[in-house]
């Protein structure tokens, strides 16, 4: 399911999601103060393009202040969009694996600082 899921994901959701994270990251990196948040956008872009076979391990305690600032300024919008996408995908049985990926991305887009992306072994 991993390779086929990643291909379908990229065609249905991943390209738009990846582009939005890249654009957000570039805009944030233009400002000096936004560079840490921009780097998190690039981390999220790498996961949002091909999420099957990967997982995100959150570590809120590593950067709690930055995570709180992120949630207030950016995170809730991205998490809400992924939650709505998950709801739409979950309507059909075929879309449930894609809904799970949307929920994973919603979790990571809410608290990206200190999180690391790990590759799952089969």
C-alpha atoms as a PDB file:
ATOM      1  CA  UNK A   1       0.000   0.000   0.000  1.00  0.00           C
ATOM      2  CA  UNK A   2       2.934   2.316   0.639  1.00  0.00           C
ATOM      3  CA  UNK A   3       4.053   3.065  -2.901  1.00  0.00           C
ATOM      4  CA  UNK A   4       0.584   3.047  -4.421  1.00  0.00           C
ATOM      5  CA  UNK A   5      -0.742   5.078  -1.494  1.00  0.00           C
ATOM      6  CA  UNK A   6       2.020   7.662  -1.892  1.00  0.00           C
ATOM      7  CA  UNK A   7       1.349   8.003  -5.625  1.00  0.00           C
ATOM      8  CA  UNK A   8      -2.398   8.430  -5.127  1.00  0.00           C
ATOM      9  CA  UNK A   9      -1.820  10.753  -2.184  1.00  0.00           C
ATOM     10  CA  UNK A  10       0.524  12.961  -4.183  1.00  0.00           C
ATOM     11  CA  UNK A  11      -1.979  13.244  -7.037  1.00  0.00           C
ATOM     12  CA  UNK A  12      -5.024  13.885  -4.827  1.00  0.00           C
ATOM     13  CA  UNK A  13      -3.684  15.885  -1.890  1.00  0.00           C
ATOM     14  CA  UNK A  14       0.100  15.862  -1.679  1.00  0.00           C
ATOM     15  CA  UNK A  15       0.981  18.288  -4.436  1.00  0.00           C
ATOM     16  CA  UNK A  16      -1.263  21.061  -3.122  1.00  0.00           C
ATOM     17  CA  UNK A  17      -0.241  20.370   0.469  1.00  0.00           C
ATOM     18  CA  UNK A  18       3.452  20.285  -0.408  1.00  0.00           C
ATOM     19  CA  UNK A  19       3.188  23.547  -2.368  1.00  0.00           C
ATOM     20  CA  UNK A  20       1.357  25.308   0.457  1.00  0.00           C
ATOM     21  CA  UNK A  21       4.014  24.273   3.000  1.00  0.00           C
ATOM     22  CA  UNK A  22       6.851  25.292   0.650  1.00  0.00           C
ATOM     23  CA  UNK A  23       5.293  28.703  -0.050  1.00  0.00           C
ATOM     24  CA  UNK A  24       4.651  29.269   3.652  1.00  0.00           C
ATOM     25  CA  UNK A  25       8.244  28.241   4.451  1.00  0.00           C
ATOM     26  CA  UNK A  26       9.746  30.548   1.836  1.00  0.00           C
ATOM     27  CA  UNK A  27       7.660  33.505   3.025  1.00  0.00           C
ATOM     28  CA  UNK A  28       8.637  32.874   6.640  1.00  0.00           C
ATOM     29  CA  UNK A  29      12.321  32.438   5.771  1.00  0.00           C
ATOM     30  CA  UNK A  30      12.366  35.814   4.017  1.00  0.00           C
ATOM     31  CA  UNK A  31      12.022  37.434   7.421  1.00  0.00           C
ATOM     32  CA  UNK A  32      14.884  36.849   9.828  1.00  0.00           C
ATOM     33  CA  UNK A  33      12.608  36.171  12.790  1.00  0.00           C
ATOM     34  CA  UNK A  34      10.548  33.637  10.835  1.00  0.00           C
ATOM     35  CA  UNK A  35      13.422  31.328   9.879  1.00  0.00           C
ATOM     36  CA  UNK A  36      12.774  28.744  12.651  1.00  0.00           C
ATOM     37  CA  UNK A  37       9.115  28.520  11.636  1.00  0.00           C
ATOM     38  CA  UNK A  38      10.085  28.369   7.969  1.00  0.00           C
ATOM     39  CA  UNK A  39      12.352  25.399   8.621  1.00  0.00           C
ATOM     40  CA  UNK A  40       9.443  23.618  10.309  1.00  0.00           C
ATOM     41  CA  UNK A  41       7.350  24.278   7.204  1.00  0.00           C
ATOM     42  CA  UNK A  42       9.986  22.553   5.091  1.00  0.00           C
ATOM     43  CA  UNK A  43       9.947  19.576   7.488  1.00  0.00           C
ATOM     44  CA  UNK A  44       6.174  19.380   7.121  1.00  0.00           C
ATOM     45  CA  UNK A  45       6.450  19.703   3.346  1.00  0.00           C
ATOM     46  CA  UNK A  46       8.679  16.642   3.182  1.00  0.00           C
ATOM     47  CA  UNK A  47       6.095  14.583   5.057  1.00  0.00           C
ATOM     48  CA  UNK A  48       3.054  15.988   3.288  1.00  0.00           C
ATOM     49  CA  UNK A  49       4.301  14.993  -0.161  1.00  0.00           C
ATOM     50  CA  UNK A  50       4.639  11.257   0.583  1.00  0.00           C
ATOM     51  CA  UNK A  51       3.293  10.378   4.068  1.00  0.00           C
ATOM     52  CA  UNK A  52       2.746   6.626   3.700  1.00  0.00           C
ATOM     53  CA  UNK A  53       5.453   4.618   5.462  1.00  0.00           C
ATOM     54  CA  UNK A  54       6.443   7.523   7.707  1.00  0.00           C
ATOM     55  CA  UNK A  55       5.327   8.665  11.134  1.00  0.00           C
ATOM     56  CA  UNK A  56       5.823  11.750  13.254  1.00  0.00           C
ATOM     57  CA  UNK A  57       7.025  11.567  16.835  1.00  0.00           C
ATOM     58  CA  UNK A  58       6.010  14.674  18.754  1.00  0.00           C
ATOM     59  CA  UNK A  59       8.096  16.124  21.567  1.00  0.00           C
ATOM     60  CA  UNK A  60       6.276  19.160  22.936  1.00  0.00           C
ATOM     61  CA  UNK A  61       8.703  19.503  25.853  1.00  0.00           C
ATOM     62  CA  UNK A  62      11.648  20.239  23.570  1.00  0.00           C
ATOM     63  CA  UNK A  63      10.351  23.681  22.431  1.00  0.00           C
ATOM     64  CA  UNK A  64       7.124  24.493  24.325  1.00  0.00           C
ATOM     65  CA  UNK A  65       7.196  28.267  23.790  1.00  0.00           C
ATOM     66  CA  UNK A  66       7.747  27.967  20.037  1.00  0.00           C
ATOM     67  CA  UNK A  67       4.988  25.363  19.781  1.00  0.00           C
ATOM     68  CA  UNK A  68       2.549  27.661  21.596  1.00  0.00           C
ATOM     69  CA  UNK A  69       3.443  30.587  19.325  1.00  0.00           C
ATOM     70  CA  UNK A  70       3.113  28.294  16.284  1.00  0.00           C
ATOM     71  CA  UNK A  71      -0.333  27.057  17.356  1.00  0.00           C
ATOM     72  CA  UNK A  72      -1.602  30.601  17.847  1.00  0.00           C
ATOM     73  CA  UNK A  73      -0.228  32.010  14.583  1.00  0.00           C
ATOM     74  CA  UNK A  74      -0.165  29.175  12.038  1.00  0.00           C
ATOM     75  CA  UNK A  75      -0.829  25.714  13.378  1.00  0.00           C
ATOM     76  CA  UNK A  76      -4.553  25.780  13.980  1.00  0.00           C
ATOM     77  CA  UNK A  77      -5.324  26.798  10.378  1.00  0.00           C
ATOM     78  CA  UNK A  78      -3.282  23.988   8.866  1.00  0.00           C
ATOM     79  CA  UNK A  79      -4.555  21.455  11.412  1.00  0.00           C
ATOM     80  CA  UNK A  80      -8.149  22.470  10.721  1.00  0.00           C
ATOM     81  CA  UNK A  81      -7.669  22.055   6.971  1.00  0.00           C
ATOM     82  CA  UNK A  82      -6.192  18.570   7.488  1.00  0.00           C
ATOM     83  CA  UNK A  83      -9.053  17.655   9.849  1.00  0.00           C
ATOM     84  CA  UNK A  84     -11.620  18.722   7.267  1.00  0.00           C
ATOM     85  CA  UNK A  85      -9.782  16.737   4.602  1.00  0.00           C
ATOM     86  CA  UNK A  86      -9.739  13.707   6.904  1.00  0.00           C
ATOM     87  CA  UNK A  87     -13.479  14.048   7.416  1.00  0.00           C
ATOM     88  CA  UNK A  88     -14.077  14.147   3.669  1.00  0.00           C
ATOM     89  CA  UNK A  89     -11.812  11.155   3.046  1.00  0.00           C
ATOM     90  CA  UNK A  90     -13.397   9.134   5.869  1.00  0.00           C
ATOM     91  CA  UNK A  91     -16.798   9.260   4.190  1.00  0.00           C
ATOM     92  CA  UNK A  92     -15.788   6.407   1.893  1.00  0.00           C
ATOM     93  CA  UNK A  93     -14.129   3.142   2.837  1.00  0.00           C
ATOM     94  CA  UNK A  94     -11.455   3.625   0.187  1.00  0.00           C
ATOM     95  CA  UNK A  95     -10.550   7.025   1.657  1.00  0.00           C
ATOM     96  CA  UNK A  96      -9.909   5.809   5.222  1.00  0.00           C
ATOM     97  CA  UNK A  97      -6.128   5.296   4.722  1.00  0.00           C
ATOM     98  CA  UNK A  98      -5.934   8.842   3.346  1.00  0.00           C
ATOM     99  CA  UNK A  99      -7.943  10.128   6.313  1.00  0.00           C
ATOM    100  CA  UNK A 100      -5.376   8.536   8.636  1.00  0.00           C
ATOM    101  CA  UNK A 101      -2.583  10.350   6.813  1.00  0.00           C
ATOM    102  CA  UNK A 102      -4.491  13.640   7.123  1.00  0.00           C
ATOM    103  CA  UNK A 103      -4.827  13.087  10.867  1.00  0.00           C
ATOM    104  CA  UNK A 104      -1.097  12.383  11.124  1.00  0.00           C
ATOM    105  CA  UNK A 105      -0.354  15.622   9.273  1.00  0.00           C
ATOM    106  CA  UNK A 106      -2.864  17.528  11.423  1.00  0.00           C
ATOM    107  CA  UNK A 107      -1.073  16.336  14.543  1.00  0.00           C
ATOM    108  CA  UNK A 108       2.305  17.390  13.184  1.00  0.00           C
ATOM    109  CA  UNK A 109       1.083  20.701  11.787  1.00  0.00           C
ATOM    110  CA  UNK A 110      -0.260  21.616  15.214  1.00  0.00           C
ATOM    111  CA  UNK A 111       3.016  21.008  17.115  1.00  0.00           C
ATOM    112  CA  UNK A 112       5.988  20.788  14.706  1.00  0.00           C
ATOM    113  CA  UNK A 113       8.808  22.060  16.945  1.00  0.00           C
ATOM    114  CA  UNK A 114      10.726  19.175  18.464  1.00  0.00           C
ATOM    115  CA  UNK A 115       8.945  16.611  16.299  1.00  0.00           C
ATOM    116  CA  UNK A 116      10.910  14.199  14.174  1.00  0.00           C
ATOM    117  CA  UNK A 117       9.805  12.203  11.147  1.00  0.00           C
ATOM    118  CA  UNK A 118      10.662   8.520  11.278  1.00  0.00           C
ATOM    119  CA  UNK A 119      10.440   5.922   8.535  1.00  0.00           C
ATOM    120  CA  UNK A 120       8.398   2.900   9.505  1.00  0.00           C
ATOM    121  CA  UNK A 121       9.803  -0.520   8.754  1.00  0.00           C
ATOM    122  CA  UNK A 122       7.514  -3.070   7.119  1.00  0.00           C
END
